[in-house]
Amino acid sequence: MRNTGEYAVGWFTLSLINAGLAQAKGRSGLGWWLASLFFGPICTFLIVVLEPVKPRL
């Protein structure tokens, strides 16, 4: 179980990347960051596939 720390650092880094991607697409960075802490790569896939949010007028 020596790789547990490396796995946790990678997972946390992925969640930060997801938050940045979500904000770039007009979505909640905090919400996606929290979701990414639990669902990681699934959230990455969803962020990439979902269309950007259109601004309301």
C-alpha atoms as a PDB file:
ATOM      1  CA  MET A   1       0.000   0.000   0.000  1.00  0.00           C
ATOM      2  CA  ARG A   2       2.899   2.379  -0.580  1.00  0.00           C
ATOM      3  CA  ASN A   3       1.202   4.009  -3.565  1.00  0.00           C
ATOM      4  CA  THR A   4      -1.806   5.213  -1.574  1.00  0.00           C
ATOM      5  CA  GLY A   5      -0.341   8.698  -1.087  1.00  0.00           C
ATOM      6  CA  GLU A   6       0.530   9.042  -4.760  1.00  0.00           C
ATOM      7  CA  TYR A   7      -2.959   7.901  -5.729  1.00  0.00           C
ATOM      8  CA  ALA A   8      -4.540  10.476  -3.409  1.00  0.00           C
ATOM      9  CA  VAL A   9      -2.349  13.289  -4.769  1.00  0.00           C
ATOM     10  CA  GLY A  10      -3.260  12.338  -8.345  1.00  0.00           C
ATOM     11  CA  TRP A  11      -6.972  12.165  -7.542  1.00  0.00           C
ATOM     12  CA  PHE A  12      -6.859  15.585  -5.821  1.00  0.00           C
ATOM     13  CA  THR A  13      -4.933  17.086  -8.746  1.00  0.00           C
ATOM     14  CA  LEU A  14      -7.516  15.725 -11.167  1.00  0.00           C
ATOM     15  CA  SER A  15     -10.283  17.337  -9.117  1.00  0.00           C
ATOM     16  CA  LEU A  16      -8.533  20.726  -9.342  1.00  0.00           C
ATOM     17  CA  ILE A  17      -8.119  20.343 -13.102  1.00  0.00           C
ATOM     18  CA  ASN A  18     -11.805  19.468 -13.398  1.00  0.00           C
ATOM     19  CA  ALA A  19     -12.756  22.591 -11.432  1.00  0.00           C
ATOM     20  CA  GLY A  20     -10.755  24.719 -13.857  1.00  0.00           C
ATOM     21  CA  LEU A  21     -12.291  23.018 -16.888  1.00  0.00           C
ATOM     22  CA  ALA A  22     -15.781  23.484 -15.454  1.00  0.00           C
ATOM     23  CA  GLN A  23     -15.207  27.192 -14.827  1.00  0.00           C
ATOM     24  CA  ALA A  24     -13.882  27.611 -18.363  1.00  0.00           C
ATOM     25  CA  LYS A  25     -17.184  26.195 -19.624  1.00  0.00           C
ATOM     26  CA  GLY A  26     -19.260  28.503 -17.415  1.00  0.00           C
ATOM     27  CA  ARG A  27     -20.103  25.925 -14.764  1.00  0.00           C
ATOM     28  CA  SER A  28     -19.605  25.927 -10.999  1.00  0.00           C
ATOM     29  CA  GLY A  29     -15.964  25.217 -10.233  1.00  0.00           C
ATOM     30  CA  LEU A  30     -16.706  24.447  -6.585  1.00  0.00           C
ATOM     31  CA  GLY A  31     -19.539  22.070  -7.403  1.00  0.00           C
ATOM     32  CA  TRP A  32     -17.527  20.166  -9.970  1.00  0.00           C
ATOM     33  CA  TRP A  33     -14.511  20.083  -7.672  1.00  0.00           C
ATOM     34  CA  LEU A  34     -16.591  18.451  -4.932  1.00  0.00           C
ATOM     35  CA  ALA A  35     -18.137  15.993  -7.376  1.00  0.00           C
ATOM     36  CA  SER A  36     -14.682  15.171  -8.735  1.00  0.00           C
ATOM     37  CA  LEU A  37     -13.427  14.281  -5.273  1.00  0.00           C
ATOM     38  CA  PHE A  38     -15.926  11.412  -5.276  1.00  0.00           C
ATOM     39  CA  PHE A  39     -16.300  10.490  -8.961  1.00  0.00           C
ATOM     40  CA  GLY A  40     -12.967  11.641 -10.473  1.00  0.00           C
ATOM     41  CA  PRO A  41     -12.572  10.505 -14.090  1.00  0.00           C
ATOM     42  CA  ILE A  42     -16.340  10.237 -14.608  1.00  0.00           C
ATOM     43  CA  CYS A  43     -16.608  13.981 -13.941  1.00  0.00           C
ATOM     44  CA  THR A  44     -13.722  14.652 -16.302  1.00  0.00           C
ATOM     45  CA  PHE A  45     -15.588  12.829 -19.054  1.00  0.00           C
ATOM     46  CA  LEU A  46     -18.816  14.725 -18.345  1.00  0.00           C
ATOM     47  CA  ILE A  47     -17.107  18.120 -18.311  1.00  0.00           C
ATOM     48  CA  VAL A  48     -15.453  17.429 -21.658  1.00  0.00           C
ATOM     49  CA  VAL A  49     -18.632  16.075 -23.288  1.00  0.00           C
ATOM     50  CA  LEU A  50     -21.156  18.625 -21.981  1.00  0.00           C
ATOM     51  CA  GLU A  51     -21.687  21.818 -23.941  1.00  0.00           C
ATOM     52  CA  PRO A  52     -20.602  25.135 -22.371  1.00  0.00           C
ATOM     53  CA  VAL A  53     -23.287  27.041 -20.500  1.00  0.00           C
ATOM     54  CA  LYS A  54     -24.752  29.874 -22.550  1.00  0.00           C
ATOM     55  CA  PRO A  55     -24.927  33.194 -20.695  1.00  0.00           C
ATOM     56  CA  ARG A  56     -28.427  34.406 -19.872  1.00  0.00           C
ATOM     57  CA  LEU A  57     -29.498  37.761 -21.223  1.00  0.00           C
END
